[in-house]
């Protein structure tokens, strides 16, 4: 690009940037804040509920794992008790 082309491009970009309406009215700000509040009002409960469901499912899985390990341990202890009863019955 030549210098003249660069200057022309720069001047056109400057005109576009300067010609923007930079007046922000109160109604525009109120409408933007209203939209943000509506979006938050709609999505925060969904996020909260989804997070609660996720945390509860993690707790349920942990409890299931603990239950299964305790059930297996109970079976092992029952087998040990049966073995000890058999040994004591045979020796006495």
PDB file of N, CA and C in Angstrom:
ATOM      1  N   UNK A   1       0.822  -1.186   0.000  1.00  0.00           N
ATOM      2  CA  UNK A   1       0.000   0.000   0.000  1.00  0.00           C
ATOM      3  C   UNK A   1       0.866   1.249   0.000  1.00  0.00           C
ATOM      4  N   UNK A   2       0.439   2.170  -0.773  1.00  0.00           N
ATOM      5  CA  UNK A   2       1.163   3.440  -0.825  1.00  0.00           C
ATOM      6  C   UNK A   2       0.734   4.333   0.324  1.00  0.00           C
ATOM      7  N   UNK A   3       1.528   5.332   0.558  1.00  0.00           N
ATOM      8  CA  UNK A   3       1.268   6.249   1.660  1.00  0.00           C
ATOM      9  C   UNK A   3      -0.056   6.981   1.453  1.00  0.00           C
ATOM     10  N   UNK A   4      -0.337   7.371   0.219  1.00  0.00           N
ATOM     11  CA  UNK A   4      -1.587   8.092  -0.071  1.00  0.00           C
ATOM     12  C   UNK A   4      -2.789   7.199   0.228  1.00  0.00           C
ATOM     13  N   UNK A   5      -2.688   5.921  -0.139  1.00  0.00           N
ATOM     14  CA  UNK A   5      -3.788   4.983   0.133  1.00  0.00           C
ATOM     15  C   UNK A   5      -3.977   4.790   1.640  1.00  0.00           C
ATOM     16  N   UNK A   6      -2.862   4.708   2.355  1.00  0.00           N
ATOM     17  CA  UNK A   6      -2.935   4.547   3.799  1.00  0.00           C
ATOM     18  C   UNK A   6      -3.601   5.762   4.449  1.00  0.00           C
ATOM     19  N   UNK A   7      -3.228   6.960   4.005  1.00  0.00           N
ATOM     20  CA  UNK A   7      -3.816   8.169   4.557  1.00  0.00           C
ATOM     21  C   UNK A   7      -5.298   8.264   4.236  1.00  0.00           C
ATOM     22  N   UNK A   8      -5.679   7.873   3.017  1.00  0.00           N
ATOM     23  CA  UNK A   8      -7.085   7.885   2.634  1.00  0.00           C
ATOM     24  C   UNK A   8      -7.880   6.906   3.500  1.00  0.00           C
ATOM     25  N   UNK A   9      -7.339   5.710   3.689  1.00  0.00           N
ATOM     26  CA  UNK A   9      -7.993   4.710   4.525  1.00  0.00           C
ATOM     27  C   UNK A   9      -8.103   5.194   5.968  1.00  0.00           C
ATOM     28  N   UNK A  10      -7.051   5.793   6.480  1.00  0.00           N
ATOM     29  CA  UNK A  10      -7.052   6.318   7.837  1.00  0.00           C
ATOM     30  C   UNK A  10      -8.075   7.445   7.993  1.00  0.00           C
ATOM     31  N   UNK A  11      -8.180   8.293   7.008  1.00  0.00           N
ATOM     32  CA  UNK A  11      -9.149   9.391   7.095  1.00  0.00           C
ATOM     33  C   UNK A  11     -10.573   8.861   7.028  1.00  0.00           C
ATOM     34  N   UNK A  12     -10.828   7.840   6.220  1.00  0.00           N
ATOM     35  CA  UNK A  12     -12.169   7.255   6.146  1.00  0.00           C
ATOM     36  C   UNK A  12     -12.537   6.571   7.469  1.00  0.00           C
ATOM     37  N   UNK A  13     -11.598   5.861   8.067  1.00  0.00           N
ATOM     38  CA  UNK A  13     -11.852   5.203   9.354  1.00  0.00           C
ATOM     39  C   UNK A  13     -12.109   6.252  10.427  1.00  0.00           C
ATOM     40  N   UNK A  14     -11.353   7.335  10.413  1.00  0.00           N
ATOM     41  CA  UNK A  14     -11.541   8.413  11.384  1.00  0.00           C
ATOM     42  C   UNK A  14     -12.920   9.043  11.232  1.00  0.00           C
ATOM     43  N   UNK A  15     -13.368   9.243   9.978  1.00  0.00           N
ATOM     44  CA  UNK A  15     -14.692   9.815   9.744  1.00  0.00           C
ATOM     45  C   UNK A  15     -15.790   8.909  10.295  1.00  0.00           C
ATOM     46  N   UNK A  16     -15.635   7.621  10.103  1.00  0.00           N
ATOM     47  CA  UNK A  16     -16.637   6.678  10.594  1.00  0.00           C
ATOM     48  C   UNK A  16     -16.663   6.693  12.116  1.00  0.00           C
ATOM     49  N   UNK A  17     -15.490   6.704  12.720  1.00  0.00           N
ATOM     50  CA  UNK A  17     -15.433   6.700  14.176  1.00  0.00           C
ATOM     51  C   UNK A  17     -15.958   8.001  14.769  1.00  0.00           C
ATOM     52  N   UNK A  18     -15.656   9.107  14.163  1.00  0.00           N
ATOM     53  CA  UNK A  18     -16.082  10.401  14.678  1.00  0.00           C
ATOM     54  C   UNK A  18     -17.578  10.600  14.440  1.00  0.00           C
ATOM     55  N   UNK A  19     -18.094  10.110  13.324  1.00  0.00           N
ATOM     56  CA  UNK A  19     -19.496  10.348  12.982  1.00  0.00           C
ATOM     57  C   UNK A  19     -20.462   9.505  13.818  1.00  0.00           C
ATOM     58  N   UNK A  20     -19.962   8.580  14.633  1.00  0.00           N
ATOM     59  CA  UNK A  20     -20.841   7.776  15.493  1.00  0.00           C
ATOM     60  C   UNK A  20     -21.559   8.699  16.464  1.00  0.00           C
ATOM     61  N   UNK A  21     -22.814   8.345  16.737  1.00  0.00           N
ATOM     62  CA  UNK A  21     -23.586   9.106  17.710  1.00  0.00           C
ATOM     63  C   UNK A  21     -23.162   8.644  19.092  1.00  0.00           C
ATOM     64  N   UNK A  22     -22.545   9.525  19.837  1.00  0.00           N
ATOM     65  CA  UNK A  22     -22.019   9.150  21.136  1.00  0.00           C
ATOM     66  C   UNK A  22     -22.946   9.583  22.267  1.00  0.00           C
ATOM     67  N   UNK A  23     -24.151   9.976  21.932  1.00  0.00           N
ATOM     68  CA  UNK A  23     -25.109  10.368  22.956  1.00  0.00           C
ATOM     69  C   UNK A  23     -25.780   9.117  23.512  1.00  0.00           C
ATOM     70  N   UNK A  24     -25.609   8.902  24.791  1.00  0.00           N
ATOM     71  CA  UNK A  24     -26.245   7.771  25.466  1.00  0.00           C
ATOM     72  C   UNK A  24     -27.362   8.351  26.313  1.00  0.00           C
ATOM     73  N   UNK A  25     -28.576   7.998  25.940  1.00  0.00           N
ATOM     74  CA  UNK A  25     -29.715   8.551  26.660  1.00  0.00           C
ATOM     75  C   UNK A  25     -30.046   7.695  27.869  1.00  0.00           C
ATOM     76  N   UNK A  26     -30.805   8.273  28.760  1.00  0.00           N
ATOM     77  CA  UNK A  26     -31.219   7.570  29.969  1.00  0.00           C
ATOM     78  C   UNK A  26     -32.108   6.375  29.631  1.00  0.00           C
ATOM     79  N   UNK A  27     -32.960   6.534  28.638  1.00  0.00           N
ATOM     80  CA  UNK A  27     -33.833   5.422  28.253  1.00  0.00           C
ATOM     81  C   UNK A  27     -33.029   4.254  27.687  1.00  0.00           C
ATOM     82  N   UNK A  28     -31.955   4.577  26.976  1.00  0.00           N
ATOM     83  CA  UNK A  28     -31.094   3.510  26.452  1.00  0.00           C
ATOM     84  C   UNK A  28     -30.434   2.744  27.599  1.00  0.00           C
ATOM     85  N   UNK A  29     -29.925   3.450  28.593  1.00  0.00           N
ATOM     86  CA  UNK A  29     -29.288   2.819  29.745  1.00  0.00           C
ATOM     87  C   UNK A  29     -30.305   1.990  30.519  1.00  0.00           C
ATOM     88  N   UNK A  30     -31.499   2.536  30.718  1.00  0.00           N
ATOM     89  CA  UNK A  30     -32.543   1.803  31.437  1.00  0.00           C
ATOM     90  C   UNK A  30     -32.935   0.540  30.680  1.00  0.00           C
ATOM     91  N   UNK A  31     -33.036   0.634  29.371  1.00  0.00           N
ATOM     92  CA  UNK A  31     -33.401  -0.558  28.591  1.00  0.00           C
ATOM     93  C   UNK A  31     -32.302  -1.617  28.658  1.00  0.00           C
ATOM     94  N   UNK A  32     -31.057  -1.222  28.617  1.00  0.00           N
ATOM     95  CA  UNK A  32     -29.948  -2.185  28.710  1.00  0.00           C
ATOM     96  C   UNK A  32     -29.939  -2.839  30.083  1.00  0.00           C
ATOM     97  N   UNK A  33     -30.091  -2.041  31.134  1.00  0.00           N
ATOM     98  CA  UNK A  33     -30.118  -2.595  32.489  1.00  0.00           C
ATOM     99  C   UNK A  33     -31.318  -3.529  32.650  1.00  0.00           C
ATOM    100  N   UNK A  34     -32.454  -3.170  32.074  1.00  0.00           N
ATOM    101  CA  UNK A  34     -33.641  -4.019  32.142  1.00  0.00           C
ATOM    102  C   UNK A  34     -33.412  -5.358  31.463  1.00  0.00           C
ATOM    103  N   UNK A  35     -32.795  -5.332  30.308  1.00  0.00           N
ATOM    104  CA  UNK A  35     -32.505  -6.576  29.586  1.00  0.00           C
ATOM    105  C   UNK A  35     -31.554  -7.447  30.399  1.00  0.00           C
ATOM    106  N   UNK A  36     -30.546  -6.846  30.978  1.00  0.00           N
ATOM    107  CA  UNK A  36     -29.599  -7.601  31.802  1.00  0.00           C
ATOM    108  C   UNK A  36     -30.308  -8.213  33.006  1.00  0.00           C
ATOM    109  N   UNK A  37     -31.186  -7.460  33.656  1.00  0.00           N
ATOM    110  CA  UNK A  37     -31.920  -7.969  34.814  1.00  0.00           C
ATOM    111  C   UNK A  37     -32.843  -9.120  34.420  1.00  0.00           C
ATOM    112  N   UNK A  38     -33.499  -8.995  33.288  1.00  0.00           N
ATOM    113  CA  UNK A  38     -34.388 -10.071  32.821  1.00  0.00           C
ATOM    114  C   UNK A  38     -33.589 -11.334  32.539  1.00  0.00           C
ATOM    115  N   UNK A  39     -32.465 -11.170  31.871  1.00  0.00           N
ATOM    116  CA  UNK A  39     -31.618 -12.334  31.569  1.00  0.00           C
ATOM    117  C   UNK A  39     -31.133 -12.975  32.863  1.00  0.00           C
ATOM    118  N   UNK A  40     -30.698 -12.172  33.809  1.00  0.00           N
ATOM    119  CA  UNK A  40     -30.261 -12.723  35.098  1.00  0.00           C
ATOM    120  C   UNK A  40     -31.418 -13.395  35.821  1.00  0.00           C
ATOM    121  N   UNK A  41     -32.575 -12.780  35.793  1.00  0.00           N
ATOM    122  CA  UNK A  41     -33.748 -13.344  36.455  1.00  0.00           C
ATOM    123  C   UNK A  41     -34.117 -14.696  35.858  1.00  0.00           C
ATOM    124  N   UNK A  42     -33.900 -14.860  34.559  1.00  0.00           N
ATOM    125  CA  UNK A  42     -34.246 -16.129  33.904  1.00  0.00           C
ATOM    126  C   UNK A  42     -33.177 -17.201  34.092  1.00  0.00           C
ATOM    127  N   UNK A  43     -31.922 -16.813  34.076  1.00  0.00           N
ATOM    128  CA  UNK A  43     -30.872 -17.820  34.050  1.00  0.00           C
ATOM    129  C   UNK A  43     -30.248 -18.154  35.394  1.00  0.00           C
ATOM    130  N   UNK A  44     -30.284 -17.259  36.354  1.00  0.00           N
ATOM    131  CA  UNK A  44     -29.688 -17.555  37.656  1.00  0.00           C
ATOM    132  C   UNK A  44     -30.381 -18.729  38.347  1.00  0.00           C
ATOM    133  N   UNK A  45     -31.725 -18.785  38.369  1.00  0.00           N
ATOM    134  CA  UNK A  45     -32.359 -19.962  38.989  1.00  0.00           C
ATOM    135  C   UNK A  45     -31.999 -21.271  38.284  1.00  0.00           C
ATOM    136  N   UNK A  46     -31.911 -21.237  36.966  1.00  0.00           N
ATOM    137  CA  UNK A  46     -31.556 -22.447  36.219  1.00  0.00           C
ATOM    138  C   UNK A  46     -30.145 -22.897  36.577  1.00  0.00           C
ATOM    139  N   UNK A  47     -29.236 -21.958  36.657  1.00  0.00           N
ATOM    140  CA  UNK A  47     -27.856 -22.287  37.014  1.00  0.00           C
ATOM    141  C   UNK A  47     -27.802 -22.832  38.435  1.00  0.00           C
ATOM    142  N   UNK A  48     -28.553 -22.204  39.350  1.00  0.00           N
ATOM    143  CA  UNK A  48     -28.573 -22.648  40.740  1.00  0.00           C
ATOM    144  C   UNK A  48     -29.129 -24.072  40.843  1.00  0.00           C
ATOM    145  N   UNK A  49     -30.235 -24.325  40.164  1.00  0.00           N
ATOM    146  CA  UNK A  49     -30.851 -25.657  40.213  1.00  0.00           C
ATOM    147  C   UNK A  49     -29.938 -26.699  39.570  1.00  0.00           C
ATOM    148  N   UNK A  50     -29.353 -26.366  38.449  1.00  0.00           N
ATOM    149  CA  UNK A  50     -28.427 -27.301  37.799  1.00  0.00           C
ATOM    150  C   UNK A  50     -27.248 -27.628  38.692  1.00  0.00           C
ATOM    151  N   UNK A  51     -26.719 -26.631  39.363  1.00  0.00           N
ATOM    152  CA  UNK A  51     -25.597 -26.842  40.267  1.00  0.00           C
ATOM    153  C   UNK A  51     -26.012 -27.718  41.441  1.00  0.00           C
ATOM    154  N   UNK A  52     -27.212 -27.482  41.993  1.00  0.00           N
ATOM    155  CA  UNK A  52     -27.699 -28.314  43.088  1.00  0.00           C
ATOM    156  C   UNK A  52     -27.885 -29.762  42.658  1.00  0.00           C
ATOM    157  N   UNK A  53     -28.431 -29.964  41.468  1.00  0.00           N
ATOM    158  CA  UNK A  53     -28.616 -31.323  40.955  1.00  0.00           C
ATOM    159  C   UNK A  53     -27.266 -32.008  40.798  1.00  0.00           C
ATOM    160  N   UNK A  54     -26.296 -31.290  40.276  1.00  0.00           N
ATOM    161  CA  UNK A  54     -24.963 -31.851  40.085  1.00  0.00           C
ATOM    162  C   UNK A  54     -24.335 -32.228  41.428  1.00  0.00           C
ATOM    163  N   UNK A  55     -24.408 -31.320  42.408  1.00  0.00           N
ATOM    164  CA  UNK A  55     -23.822 -31.607  43.721  1.00  0.00           C
ATOM    165  C   UNK A  55     -24.521 -32.781  44.394  1.00  0.00           C
ATOM    166  N   UNK A  56     -25.848 -32.846  44.272  1.00  0.00           N
ATOM    167  CA  UNK A  56     -26.594 -33.948  44.865  1.00  0.00           C
ATOM    168  C   UNK A  56     -26.236 -35.274  44.203  1.00  0.00           C
ATOM    169  N   UNK A  57     -26.067 -35.268  42.893  1.00  0.00           N
ATOM    170  CA  UNK A  57     -25.697 -36.509  42.212  1.00  0.00           C
ATOM    171  C   UNK A  57     -24.298 -36.966  42.622  1.00  0.00           C
ATOM    172  N   UNK A  58     -23.399 -36.020  42.874  1.00  0.00           N
ATOM    173  CA  UNK A  58     -22.061 -36.382  43.361  1.00  0.00           C
ATOM    174  C   UNK A  58     -22.172 -37.036  44.735  1.00  0.00           C
ATOM    175  N   UNK A  59     -22.999 -36.460  45.613  1.00  0.00           N
ATOM    176  CA  UNK A  59     -23.177 -37.030  46.948  1.00  0.00           C
ATOM    177  C   UNK A  59     -23.813 -38.417  46.866  1.00  0.00           C
ATOM    178  N   UNK A  60     -24.792 -38.581  45.980  1.00  0.00           N
ATOM    179  CA  UNK A  60     -25.446 -39.884  45.818  1.00  0.00           C
ATOM    180  C   UNK A  60     -24.447 -40.931  45.343  1.00  0.00           C
ATOM    181  N   UNK A  61     -23.616 -40.575  44.385  1.00  0.00           N
ATOM    182  CA  UNK A  61     -22.612 -41.526  43.882  1.00  0.00           C
ATOM    183  C   UNK A  61     -21.622 -41.899  44.979  1.00  0.00           C
ATOM    184  N   UNK A  62     -21.235 -40.936  45.790  1.00  0.00           N
ATOM    185  CA  UNK A  62     -20.314 -41.221  46.901  1.00  0.00           C
ATOM    186  C   UNK A  62     -20.977 -42.163  47.897  1.00  0.00           C
ATOM    187  N   UNK A  63     -22.234 -41.901  48.218  1.00  0.00           N
ATOM    188  CA  UNK A  63     -22.949 -42.773  49.150  1.00  0.00           C
ATOM    189  C   UNK A  63     -23.140 -44.180  48.582  1.00  0.00           C
ATOM    190  N   UNK A  64     -23.398 -44.268  47.276  1.00  0.00           N
ATOM    191  CA  UNK A  64     -23.520 -45.587  46.633  1.00  0.00           C
ATOM    192  C   UNK A  64     -22.214 -46.358  46.735  1.00  0.00           C
ATOM    193  N   UNK A  65     -21.117 -45.660  46.471  1.00  0.00           N
ATOM    194  CA  UNK A  65     -19.810 -46.305  46.539  1.00  0.00           C
ATOM    195  C   UNK A  65     -19.523 -46.773  47.964  1.00  0.00           C
ATOM    196  N   UNK A  66     -19.829 -45.926  48.938  1.00  0.00           N
ATOM    197  CA  UNK A  66     -19.636 -46.308  50.341  1.00  0.00           C
ATOM    198  C   UNK A  66     -20.524 -47.490  50.714  1.00  0.00           C
ATOM    199  N   UNK A  67     -21.766 -47.482  50.260  1.00  0.00           N
ATOM    200  CA  UNK A  67     -22.694 -48.573  50.547  1.00  0.00           C
ATOM    201  C   UNK A  67     -22.177 -49.901  49.987  1.00  0.00           C
ATOM    202  N   UNK A  68     -21.721 -49.853  48.729  1.00  0.00           N
ATOM    203  CA  UNK A  68     -21.223 -51.090  48.116  1.00  0.00           C
ATOM    204  C   UNK A  68     -19.971 -51.603  48.822  1.00  0.00           C
ATOM    205  N   UNK A  69     -19.086 -50.699  49.220  1.00  0.00           N
ATOM    206  CA  UNK A  69     -17.875 -51.150  49.907  1.00  0.00           C
ATOM    207  C   UNK A  69     -18.222 -51.709  51.289  1.00  0.00           C
ATOM    208  N   UNK A  70     -19.166 -51.090  51.984  1.00  0.00           N
ATOM    209  CA  UNK A  70     -19.588 -51.614  53.288  1.00  0.00           C
ATOM    210  C   UNK A  70     -20.314 -52.954  53.143  1.00  0.00           C
ATOM    211  N   UNK A  71     -21.075 -53.096  52.083  1.00  0.00           N
ATOM    212  CA  UNK A  71     -21.766 -54.366  51.829  1.00  0.00           C
ATOM    213  C   UNK A  71     -20.746 -55.482  51.579  1.00  0.00           C
ATOM    214  N   UNK A  72     -19.731 -55.198  50.778  1.00  0.00           N
ATOM    215  CA  UNK A  72     -18.672 -56.183  50.533  1.00  0.00           C
ATOM    216  C   UNK A  72     -17.916 -56.509  51.820  1.00  0.00           C
ATOM    217  N   UNK A  73     -17.620 -55.478  52.608  1.00  0.00           N
ATOM    218  CA  UNK A  73     -16.922 -55.698  53.871  1.00  0.00           C
ATOM    219  C   UNK A  73     -17.775 -56.543  54.818  1.00  0.00           C
ATOM    220  N   UNK A  74     -19.086 -56.306  54.817  1.00  0.00           N
ATOM    221  CA  UNK A  74     -20.001 -57.089  55.638  1.00  0.00           C
ATOM    222  C   UNK A  74     -19.973 -58.566  55.219  1.00  0.00           C
ATOM    223  N   UNK A  75     -19.970 -58.807  53.908  1.00  0.00           N
ATOM    224  CA  UNK A  75     -19.899 -60.201  53.424  1.00  0.00           C
ATOM    225  C   UNK A  75     -18.589 -60.858  53.833  1.00  0.00           C
ATOM    226  N   UNK A  76     -17.498 -60.115  53.759  1.00  0.00           N
ATOM    227  CA  UNK A  76     -16.198 -60.657  54.160  1.00  0.00           C
ATOM    228  C   UNK A  76     -16.212 -61.004  55.649  1.00  0.00           C
ATOM    229  N   UNK A  77     -16.763 -60.093  56.464  1.00  0.00           N
ATOM    230  CA  UNK A  77     -16.829 -60.350  57.904  1.00  0.00           C
ATOM    231  C   UNK A  77     -17.741 -61.536  58.218  1.00  0.00           C
ATOM    232  N   UNK A  78     -18.851 -61.666  57.503  1.00  0.00           N
ATOM    233  CA  UNK A  78     -19.733 -62.829  57.705  1.00  0.00           C
ATOM    234  C   UNK A  78     -19.000 -64.124  57.386  1.00  0.00           C
ATOM    235  N   UNK A  79     -18.214 -64.114  56.320  1.00  0.00           N
ATOM    236  CA  UNK A  79     -17.437 -65.307  55.963  1.00  0.00           C
ATOM    237  C   UNK A  79     -16.398 -65.621  57.039  1.00  0.00           C
ATOM    238  N   UNK A  80     -15.741 -64.583  57.581  1.00  0.00           N
ATOM    239  CA  UNK A  80     -14.759 -64.807  58.639  1.00  0.00           C
ATOM    240  C   UNK A  80     -15.429 -65.365  59.893  1.00  0.00           C
ATOM    241  N   UNK A  81     -16.609 -64.834  60.222  1.00  0.00           N
ATOM    242  CA  UNK A  81     -17.342 -65.329  61.387  1.00  0.00           C
ATOM    243  C   UNK A  81     -17.742 -66.789  61.182  1.00  0.00           C
ATOM    244  N   UNK A  82     -18.229 -67.100  59.983  1.00  0.00           N
ATOM    245  CA  UNK A  82     -18.612 -68.488  59.698  1.00  0.00           C
ATOM    246  C   UNK A  82     -17.409 -69.412  59.784  1.00  0.00           C
ATOM    247  N   UNK A  83     -16.261 -68.949  59.305  1.00  0.00           N
ATOM    248  CA  UNK A  83     -15.041 -69.750  59.380  1.00  0.00           C
ATOM    249  C   UNK A  83     -14.636 -69.958  60.834  1.00  0.00           C
ATOM    250  N   UNK A  84     -14.687 -68.907  61.646  1.00  0.00           N
ATOM    251  CA  UNK A  84     -14.337 -69.022  63.063  1.00  0.00           C
ATOM    252  C   UNK A  84     -15.320 -69.936  63.801  1.00  0.00           C
ATOM    253  N   UNK A  85     -16.603 -69.851  63.504  1.00  0.00           N
ATOM    254  CA  UNK A  85     -17.597 -70.734  64.136  1.00  0.00           C
ATOM    255  C   UNK A  85     -17.324 -72.167  63.756  1.00  0.00           C
ATOM    256  N   UNK A  86     -16.967 -72.421  62.511  1.00  0.00           N
ATOM    257  CA  UNK A  86     -16.682 -73.770  62.056  1.00  0.00           C
ATOM    258  C   UNK A  86     -15.437 -74.317  62.769  1.00  0.00           C
ATOM    259  N   UNK A  87     -14.392 -73.476  62.859  1.00  0.00           N
ATOM    260  CA  UNK A  87     -13.172 -73.903  63.537  1.00  0.00           C
ATOM    261  C   UNK A  87     -13.439 -74.186  65.006  1.00  0.00           C
ATOM    262  N   UNK A  88     -14.190 -73.283  65.654  1.00  0.00           N
ATOM    263  CA  UNK A  88     -14.502 -73.496  67.071  1.00  0.00           C
ATOM    264  C   UNK A  88     -15.398 -74.718  67.270  1.00  0.00           C
ATOM    265  N   UNK A  89     -16.299 -74.959  66.355  1.00  0.00           N
ATOM    266  CA  UNK A  89     -17.174 -76.142  66.451  1.00  0.00           C
ATOM    267  C   UNK A  89     -16.422 -77.428  66.239  1.00  0.00           C
ATOM    268  N   UNK A  90     -15.440 -77.406  65.386  1.00  0.00           N
ATOM    269  CA  UNK A  90     -14.659 -78.611  65.106  1.00  0.00           C
ATOM    270  C   UNK A  90     -13.708 -78.901  66.253  1.00  0.00           C
ATOM    271  N   UNK A  91     -13.107 -77.886  66.823  1.00  0.00           N
ATOM    272  CA  UNK A  91     -12.129 -78.116  67.885  1.00  0.00           C
ATOM    273  C   UNK A  91     -12.755 -78.413  69.227  1.00  0.00           C
ATOM    274  N   UNK A  92     -13.982 -77.993  69.476  1.00  0.00           N
ATOM    275  CA  UNK A  92     -14.614 -78.209  70.778  1.00  0.00           C
ATOM    276  C   UNK A  92     -15.551 -79.337  70.711  1.00  0.00           C
TER     277      UNK A  92
END
